Protein backbone atom coordinates (compact mmCIF):
# COMPACT_ATOMS: atom_id res chain seq x y z
CA MET A 1 57.88 2.33 16.55
CA GLU A 2 54.19 1.06 16.38
CA THR A 3 53.91 -2.12 14.30
CA VAL A 4 50.47 -1.78 11.71
CA GLU A 5 49.02 -5.09 11.08
CA VAL A 6 48.29 -5.31 7.68
CA VAL A 7 44.41 -6.89 7.50
CA LYS A 8 44.30 -9.19 3.91
CA PRO A 9 40.82 -8.43 2.11
CA ALA A 10 38.30 -11.75 2.04
CA ILE A 11 37.92 -13.69 -0.61
CA ARG A 12 34.84 -12.99 -2.51
CA VAL A 13 32.90 -16.10 -3.62
CA ALA A 14 30.12 -15.48 -5.70
CA ALA A 15 27.83 -18.79 -5.34
CA LEU A 16 25.57 -19.94 -8.19
CA CYS A 17 22.32 -22.31 -8.18
CA GLY A 18 21.61 -24.37 -10.87
CA SER A 19 17.81 -24.53 -9.76
CA LEU A 20 15.30 -22.01 -9.42
CA ARG A 21 13.08 -24.18 -6.56
CA LYS A 22 12.92 -21.92 -3.22
CA ALA A 23 13.21 -25.33 -1.36
CA SER A 24 15.98 -26.57 -3.28
CA PHE A 25 18.53 -28.74 -1.78
CA ASN A 26 21.38 -27.21 -3.91
CA ARG A 27 20.11 -23.71 -2.60
CA GLY A 28 20.58 -25.20 0.63
CA LEU A 29 23.93 -26.35 0.15
CA ILE A 30 24.85 -22.66 -1.01
CA ARG A 31 23.30 -21.17 2.26
CA ALA A 32 25.31 -24.09 4.66
CA ALA A 33 28.36 -22.38 2.67
CA MET A 34 27.34 -19.05 3.59
CA LYS A 35 27.12 -20.16 7.19
CA LEU A 36 30.12 -21.91 7.56
CA CYS A 37 32.31 -19.26 6.31
CA LYS A 38 30.67 -16.42 8.72
CA GLU A 39 31.09 -19.16 11.48
CA SER A 40 34.19 -21.01 11.05
CA ILE A 41 35.92 -20.14 7.67
CA PRO A 42 37.69 -16.65 8.25
CA GLY A 43 38.74 -14.76 5.44
CA MET A 44 36.00 -16.03 3.16
CA GLU A 45 32.65 -14.09 2.23
CA ILE A 46 30.38 -15.86 -0.17
CA GLU A 47 27.22 -13.89 -1.97
CA TYR A 48 24.69 -16.18 -3.62
CA ILE A 49 23.70 -14.56 -7.34
CA ASP A 50 20.36 -15.63 -8.52
CA VAL A 51 20.09 -16.70 -12.04
CA ALA A 52 16.23 -16.41 -12.38
CA PRO A 53 16.24 -12.87 -13.42
CA LEU A 54 18.32 -13.38 -16.32
CA PRO A 55 16.51 -13.67 -19.50
CA MET A 56 17.40 -16.17 -22.31
CA LEU A 57 20.77 -15.43 -24.06
CA ASN A 58 20.01 -13.85 -27.20
CA THR A 59 22.62 -11.34 -28.89
CA ASP A 60 19.89 -9.27 -29.86
CA LEU A 61 19.53 -7.78 -26.53
CA GLU A 62 23.19 -6.55 -27.00
CA ILE A 63 22.86 -2.87 -27.99
CA HIS A 64 26.10 -1.21 -29.09
CA GLY A 65 27.94 -3.28 -26.56
CA LYS A 66 25.57 -2.64 -23.88
CA PHE A 67 23.58 -5.70 -22.32
CA PRO A 68 20.44 -5.48 -20.39
CA PRO A 69 20.97 -4.08 -17.11
CA VAL A 70 19.81 -7.17 -15.16
CA VAL A 71 22.49 -9.16 -17.47
CA GLU A 72 25.42 -5.93 -16.69
CA ALA A 73 24.60 -6.27 -13.07
CA PHE A 74 24.94 -10.07 -12.87
CA ARG A 75 28.12 -9.74 -15.25
CA GLN A 76 29.62 -7.46 -12.57
CA LYS A 77 28.88 -9.48 -9.57
CA ILE A 78 31.23 -12.19 -11.20
CA LEU A 79 33.66 -10.04 -12.16
CA GLU A 80 34.00 -8.32 -9.08
CA ALA A 81 34.14 -12.42 -7.37
CA ASP A 82 37.81 -14.00 -6.63
CA SER A 83 36.07 -17.23 -7.23
CA ILE A 84 33.08 -19.53 -8.17
CA LEU A 85 30.97 -21.48 -5.92
CA ILE A 86 28.33 -23.68 -8.39
CA ALA A 87 25.55 -26.12 -7.11
CA SER A 88 24.41 -27.94 -9.30
CA PRO A 89 21.32 -30.51 -9.86
CA GLU A 90 21.61 -32.77 -12.57
CA TYR A 91 18.52 -32.64 -15.33
CA ASN A 92 18.00 -35.48 -17.81
CA TYR A 93 22.22 -36.32 -17.25
CA SER A 94 23.34 -32.88 -17.52
CA VAL A 95 23.79 -29.21 -16.49
CA THR A 96 20.30 -27.55 -16.22
CA ALA A 97 19.31 -24.57 -18.67
CA PRO A 98 19.27 -21.42 -15.53
CA LEU A 99 22.52 -22.48 -14.76
CA LYS A 100 23.95 -22.79 -18.55
CA ASN A 101 22.18 -19.53 -19.47
CA ALA A 102 23.51 -17.80 -16.75
CA MET A 103 27.46 -19.23 -17.99
CA ASP A 104 26.92 -18.31 -21.36
CA TRP A 105 25.72 -14.78 -20.40
CA ALA A 106 28.92 -14.06 -18.22
CA SER A 107 31.05 -15.79 -20.91
CA ARG A 108 29.86 -13.04 -23.61
CA PRO A 109 32.97 -10.94 -24.62
CA PRO A 110 34.97 -9.82 -22.43
CA ASN A 111 34.63 -13.20 -20.39
CA VAL A 112 34.00 -12.41 -16.82
CA PHE A 113 34.75 -15.85 -15.42
CA ALA A 114 38.50 -15.78 -16.84
CA ASP A 115 41.29 -17.19 -14.43
CA LYS A 116 38.84 -17.45 -11.30
CA ALA A 117 39.33 -20.49 -9.21
CA ALA A 118 36.35 -22.44 -8.92
CA ALA A 119 34.45 -25.32 -6.96
CA ILE A 120 31.13 -27.49 -7.92
CA VAL A 121 28.63 -29.26 -5.21
CA SER A 122 25.80 -31.61 -6.18
CA ALA A 123 22.83 -32.68 -4.45
CA ALA A 124 20.70 -34.75 -6.64
CA GLY A 125 19.31 -38.43 -7.05
CA GLY A 126 21.11 -41.83 -7.75
CA SER A 127 24.31 -40.39 -9.40
CA GLY A 128 24.69 -37.34 -6.67
CA GLY A 129 25.14 -35.01 -9.52
CA CYS A 130 28.09 -36.29 -11.13
CA ARG A 131 27.17 -36.12 -14.66
CA SER A 132 26.25 -32.35 -14.28
CA GLN A 133 29.48 -31.56 -12.43
CA TYR A 134 31.63 -33.23 -15.54
CA HIS A 135 29.72 -31.02 -18.16
CA ILE A 136 30.16 -28.15 -16.27
CA ARG A 137 33.89 -28.72 -16.27
CA GLN A 138 33.68 -29.47 -19.49
CA ILE A 139 32.39 -25.70 -20.23
CA GLY A 140 34.73 -24.76 -18.01
CA VAL A 141 37.61 -25.00 -20.13
CA PHE A 142 36.59 -22.83 -22.40
CA LEU A 143 35.78 -20.13 -19.94
CA ASP A 144 39.37 -20.39 -18.33
CA LEU A 145 37.80 -21.50 -14.65
CA HIS A 146 39.90 -23.43 -12.93
CA PHE A 147 38.27 -25.75 -11.03
CA ILE A 148 39.50 -27.83 -7.69
CA ASN A 149 39.72 -31.55 -8.18
CA LYS A 150 39.80 -32.43 -4.84
CA PRO A 151 37.78 -32.90 -2.76
CA GLU A 152 34.84 -34.18 -4.97
CA PHE A 153 31.04 -33.29 -3.30
CA PHE A 154 28.45 -35.67 -4.92
CA LEU A 155 25.68 -35.81 -2.75
CA LYS A 156 22.94 -38.91 -2.83
CA ALA A 157 19.94 -36.42 -1.38
CA HIS A 158 17.47 -38.91 -1.41
CA GLU A 159 19.35 -41.55 0.40
CA PRO A 160 18.61 -42.17 4.30
CA PRO A 161 19.63 -40.60 6.91
CA ARG A 162 17.53 -37.03 6.25
CA LYS A 163 20.20 -34.80 4.76
CA PHE A 164 17.84 -31.43 4.40
CA ASP A 165 14.45 -30.27 6.14
CA ASP A 166 11.16 -29.29 4.38
CA ASP A 167 12.72 -26.01 3.53
CA GLY A 168 15.62 -27.09 1.78
CA ASN A 169 17.74 -26.25 5.18
CA LEU A 170 20.82 -28.65 5.49
CA ILE A 171 20.96 -30.84 8.71
CA ASP A 172 23.31 -33.51 7.88
CA PRO A 173 26.41 -32.43 10.06
CA GLU A 174 28.80 -35.26 8.18
CA VAL A 175 27.54 -33.72 4.66
CA GLU A 176 28.40 -30.06 6.33
CA GLU A 177 31.75 -31.33 7.54
CA LYS A 178 32.61 -32.54 3.50
CA LEU A 179 31.09 -29.19 2.58
CA LYS A 180 33.49 -27.43 4.51
CA LYS A 181 36.47 -29.15 3.05
CA VAL A 182 35.34 -28.25 -0.31
CA LEU A 183 35.66 -24.49 0.63
CA LEU A 184 38.51 -24.87 2.48
CA ALA A 185 40.24 -26.31 -0.73
CA LEU A 186 38.32 -23.50 -2.87
CA GLN A 187 40.00 -20.99 -0.67
CA ALA A 188 43.45 -22.71 -0.41
CA PHE A 189 43.45 -22.44 -4.45
CA THR A 190 42.11 -19.12 -5.20
CA LEU A 191 44.89 -17.59 -3.05
CA ARG A 192 47.42 -19.68 -4.82
CA LEU A 193 46.22 -18.46 -8.13
CA GLN A 194 46.29 -15.02 -6.76
CA LEU A 195 50.11 -15.36 -5.66
CA PRO A 196 51.84 -17.24 -8.16
CA GLY A 197 55.21 -15.68 -7.74
CA GLN A 198 54.98 -16.59 -3.66
CA ASN A 199 54.06 -20.01 -4.28
CA LYS A 200 57.38 -20.75 -7.04
CA LYS A 201 59.32 -19.60 -3.65
CA GLU A 202 57.76 -21.77 -1.80
CA LYS A 203 58.01 -25.10 -3.94
CA ARG A 204 61.78 -24.20 -4.32
CA LYS A 205 62.12 -24.18 -0.98
CA LYS A 206 60.51 -27.57 -0.28
CA MET A 207 62.82 -28.57 -2.78
CA ASN A 208 65.99 -27.47 -1.40
């Protein structure tokens, strides 16, 4: 009897960037993450979702329970994803306006972020973006996003050696390896959330 191999669908990750700059370091992190998934992390696919076209949140734009087409398309991308990757710079000790606006649109009923695994990476100045990340985690509590706790990724982008080229592409192999560890943790956590029954059985086996 011929054995049929069951191919599991890849984990689909929606990637959001809080910076609108073309040569943004944080967009560079997302590009590097996409490349890592294609080259060395099987079973994981990242799609970059541009937040720039979204209008500022205004519930007057919600007509008869419908959102503007660009918002509907954005929300559908989030809904279809298994997990979320956020690349966030830090503006004035906090999250950027474009990213907060995108999260607010996604949270409108029904909240399309709910019960998804998520990870945050940051490239910023002196703090590496830690303050913005912790604000995003606070927002995520209300949105029912489940963030990985370790490893954390705070990149002090302007300290030597040079981390990015003039186009914002990541060129530091050590940083790339740290980014890969974040992606692997997100992949593992996403699978844990998708298979709660299996996890309980595995935990019981380990305890016995």
